[in-house]
Structures are given as C-alpha cells and as structure tokens.
Amino acid sequence: MAAMKPRTGDGPLEVVKEGRGIVLRMPLEGGGRLVVEMTPDEVRALGDAIENCEGLK
C-alpha cells in the first residue's frame, strides 16, 4: 500500500501549458494555491501589467 501524504498545497510557483490554455499555480501564505487558467493573450497582458507596475523599477 502506498504511503498517504497530506495535500498541503505548498510548492513552487508553476506556469505550464495545458491544452490550449496556460495554467498558473501560485502558493499562498497560510497554505493552499491560487490556480488560474489563462489564454496566451491574457498571459501577455498580465506580464505587461506586472512590468509596468510602480515600485518594481
């Protein structure tokens, strides 16, 4: 019998292509993960928004 491990949701930030979309899995403080599926256009728009965010330069 395989060992049972608790699903904590912790792990690294992941961005992977799944089918036609791109899936972002982001660990959250306090446990769990935020999972968002986006189109390539939405990923580019998010990247532009992050790049132009004040305080990052």
N, C-alpha and C. Protein backbone atom coordinates (compact mmCIF):
# COMPACT_ATOMS: atom_id res chain seq x y z
N MET A 1 0.84 -1.18 0.00
CA MET A 1 0.00 0.00 0.00
C MET A 1 0.89 1.25 0.00
N ALA A 2 0.55 2.21 -0.82
CA ALA A 2 1.34 3.44 -0.93
C ALA A 2 1.13 4.31 0.31
N ALA A 3 2.17 5.04 0.67
CA ALA A 3 2.06 5.95 1.80
C ALA A 3 1.13 7.10 1.45
N MET A 4 0.29 7.48 2.38
CA MET A 4 -0.64 8.59 2.17
C MET A 4 0.01 9.86 2.69
N LYS A 5 0.09 10.87 1.85
CA LYS A 5 0.66 12.16 2.24
C LYS A 5 -0.45 13.20 2.27
N PRO A 6 -0.43 14.08 3.23
CA PRO A 6 -1.45 15.14 3.24
C PRO A 6 -1.23 16.10 2.07
N ARG A 7 -2.31 16.60 1.50
CA ARG A 7 -2.21 17.56 0.40
C ARG A 7 -2.21 18.96 1.02
N THR A 8 -1.02 19.54 1.11
CA THR A 8 -0.89 20.84 1.76
C THR A 8 -1.08 21.99 0.78
N GLY A 9 -0.87 21.74 -0.51
CA GLY A 9 -0.98 22.81 -1.48
C GLY A 9 0.29 23.62 -1.62
N ASP A 10 1.26 23.36 -0.78
CA ASP A 10 2.53 24.08 -0.87
C ASP A 10 3.30 23.59 -2.08
N GLY A 11 4.19 24.41 -2.53
CA GLY A 11 5.02 24.03 -3.67
C GLY A 11 5.50 25.26 -4.38
N PRO A 12 6.27 25.07 -5.43
CA PRO A 12 6.82 26.22 -6.15
C PRO A 12 5.78 26.89 -7.04
N LEU A 13 6.08 28.09 -7.44
CA LEU A 13 5.26 28.78 -8.44
C LEU A 13 5.42 28.01 -9.75
N GLU A 14 4.31 27.69 -10.38
CA GLU A 14 4.35 26.92 -11.63
C GLU A 14 3.54 27.64 -12.69
N VAL A 15 4.05 27.65 -13.91
CA VAL A 15 3.30 28.12 -15.08
C VAL A 15 3.52 27.07 -16.16
N VAL A 16 2.43 26.42 -16.58
CA VAL A 16 2.54 25.34 -17.56
C VAL A 16 1.47 25.48 -18.63
N LYS A 17 1.77 24.98 -19.82
CA LYS A 17 0.79 24.95 -20.90
C LYS A 17 0.00 23.66 -20.76
N GLU A 18 -1.31 23.79 -20.69
CA GLU A 18 -2.19 22.63 -20.61
C GLU A 18 -3.27 22.80 -21.66
N GLY A 19 -3.23 21.98 -22.69
CA GLY A 19 -4.20 22.11 -23.77
C GLY A 19 -3.99 23.43 -24.49
N ARG A 20 -5.06 24.18 -24.65
CA ARG A 20 -4.97 25.49 -25.32
C ARG A 20 -4.63 26.62 -24.37
N GLY A 21 -4.72 26.38 -23.07
CA GLY A 21 -4.51 27.44 -22.08
C GLY A 21 -3.17 27.31 -21.38
N ILE A 22 -2.90 28.31 -20.55
CA ILE A 22 -1.71 28.35 -19.72
C ILE A 22 -2.20 28.43 -18.29
N VAL A 23 -1.68 27.55 -17.43
CA VAL A 23 -2.14 27.46 -16.05
C VAL A 23 -1.06 27.97 -15.12
N LEU A 24 -1.45 28.90 -14.25
CA LEU A 24 -0.58 29.47 -13.22
C LEU A 24 -1.00 28.87 -11.88
N ARG A 25 -0.05 28.29 -11.15
CA ARG A 25 -0.30 27.78 -9.81
C ARG A 25 0.63 28.51 -8.86
N MET A 26 0.04 29.34 -7.99
CA MET A 26 0.83 30.19 -7.10
C MET A 26 0.56 29.82 -5.64
N PRO A 27 1.60 29.46 -4.88
CA PRO A 27 1.40 29.16 -3.47
C PRO A 27 0.98 30.42 -2.71
N LEU A 28 0.11 30.26 -1.72
CA LEU A 28 -0.39 31.38 -0.94
C LEU A 28 0.10 31.29 0.49
N GLU A 29 0.24 32.44 1.14
CA GLU A 29 0.59 32.45 2.56
C GLU A 29 -0.51 31.78 3.33
N GLY A 30 -0.15 30.97 4.29
CA GLY A 30 -1.15 30.27 5.08
C GLY A 30 -1.55 28.93 4.46
N GLY A 31 -0.96 28.59 3.32
CA GLY A 31 -1.25 27.32 2.67
C GLY A 31 -2.20 27.46 1.51
N GLY A 32 -2.27 26.46 0.72
CA GLY A 32 -3.13 26.47 -0.45
C GLY A 32 -2.44 27.09 -1.65
N ARG A 33 -3.14 27.04 -2.77
CA ARG A 33 -2.59 27.58 -4.01
C ARG A 33 -3.69 28.30 -4.77
N LEU A 34 -3.30 29.34 -5.46
CA LEU A 34 -4.18 30.04 -6.39
C LEU A 34 -3.92 29.42 -7.76
N VAL A 35 -4.98 28.93 -8.41
CA VAL A 35 -4.84 28.31 -9.73
C VAL A 35 -5.67 29.12 -10.71
N VAL A 36 -5.01 29.63 -11.78
CA VAL A 36 -5.67 30.46 -12.77
C VAL A 36 -5.32 29.92 -14.15
N GLU A 37 -6.34 29.72 -14.99
CA GLU A 37 -6.11 29.32 -16.38
C GLU A 37 -6.33 30.53 -17.26
N MET A 38 -5.37 30.81 -18.15
CA MET A 38 -5.42 32.00 -18.99
C MET A 38 -5.10 31.64 -20.44
N THR A 39 -5.52 32.51 -21.35
CA THR A 39 -5.14 32.39 -22.75
C THR A 39 -3.76 33.02 -22.92
N PRO A 40 -3.05 32.73 -24.01
CA PRO A 40 -1.76 33.38 -24.24
C PRO A 40 -1.87 34.91 -24.26
N ASP A 41 -2.95 35.46 -24.80
CA ASP A 41 -3.12 36.92 -24.80
C ASP A 41 -3.26 37.46 -23.39
N GLU A 42 -3.98 36.75 -22.53
CA GLU A 42 -4.14 37.18 -21.14
C GLU A 42 -2.82 37.10 -20.39
N VAL A 43 -2.00 36.11 -20.71
CA VAL A 43 -0.68 35.99 -20.08
C VAL A 43 0.19 37.17 -20.47
N ARG A 44 0.18 37.54 -21.75
CA ARG A 44 0.96 38.70 -22.20
C ARG A 44 0.48 39.98 -21.52
N ALA A 45 -0.84 40.15 -21.41
CA ALA A 45 -1.40 41.35 -20.76
C ALA A 45 -1.00 41.38 -19.28
N LEU A 46 -1.02 40.24 -18.61
CA LEU A 46 -0.60 40.18 -17.21
C LEU A 46 0.88 40.52 -17.08
N GLY A 47 1.70 39.98 -17.98
CA GLY A 47 3.14 40.30 -17.96
C GLY A 47 3.39 41.78 -18.15
N ASP A 48 2.66 42.41 -19.08
CA ASP A 48 2.81 43.85 -19.31
C ASP A 48 2.39 44.64 -18.07
N ALA A 49 1.29 44.22 -17.44
CA ALA A 49 0.79 44.92 -16.25
C ALA A 49 1.81 44.82 -15.11
N ILE A 50 2.41 43.64 -14.94
CA ILE A 50 3.41 43.47 -13.90
C ILE A 50 4.66 44.29 -14.21
N GLU A 51 5.08 44.26 -15.48
CA GLU A 51 6.26 45.01 -15.90
C GLU A 51 6.10 46.51 -15.67
N ASN A 52 4.90 47.03 -15.83
CA ASN A 52 4.65 48.46 -15.71
C ASN A 52 4.17 48.87 -14.31
N CYS A 53 4.18 47.96 -13.37
CA CYS A 53 3.73 48.25 -12.01
C CYS A 53 4.71 49.20 -11.32
N GLU A 54 4.17 50.26 -10.72
CA GLU A 54 5.04 51.19 -10.00
C GLU A 54 5.69 50.50 -8.80
N GLY A 55 6.91 50.87 -8.51
CA GLY A 55 7.61 50.32 -7.37
C GLY A 55 8.46 49.10 -7.69
N LEU A 56 8.38 48.59 -8.91
CA LEU A 56 9.20 47.44 -9.27
C LEU A 56 10.48 47.83 -9.99
N LYS A 57 10.59 49.10 -10.33
CA LYS A 57 11.77 49.54 -11.08
C LYS A 57 12.74 50.25 -10.18
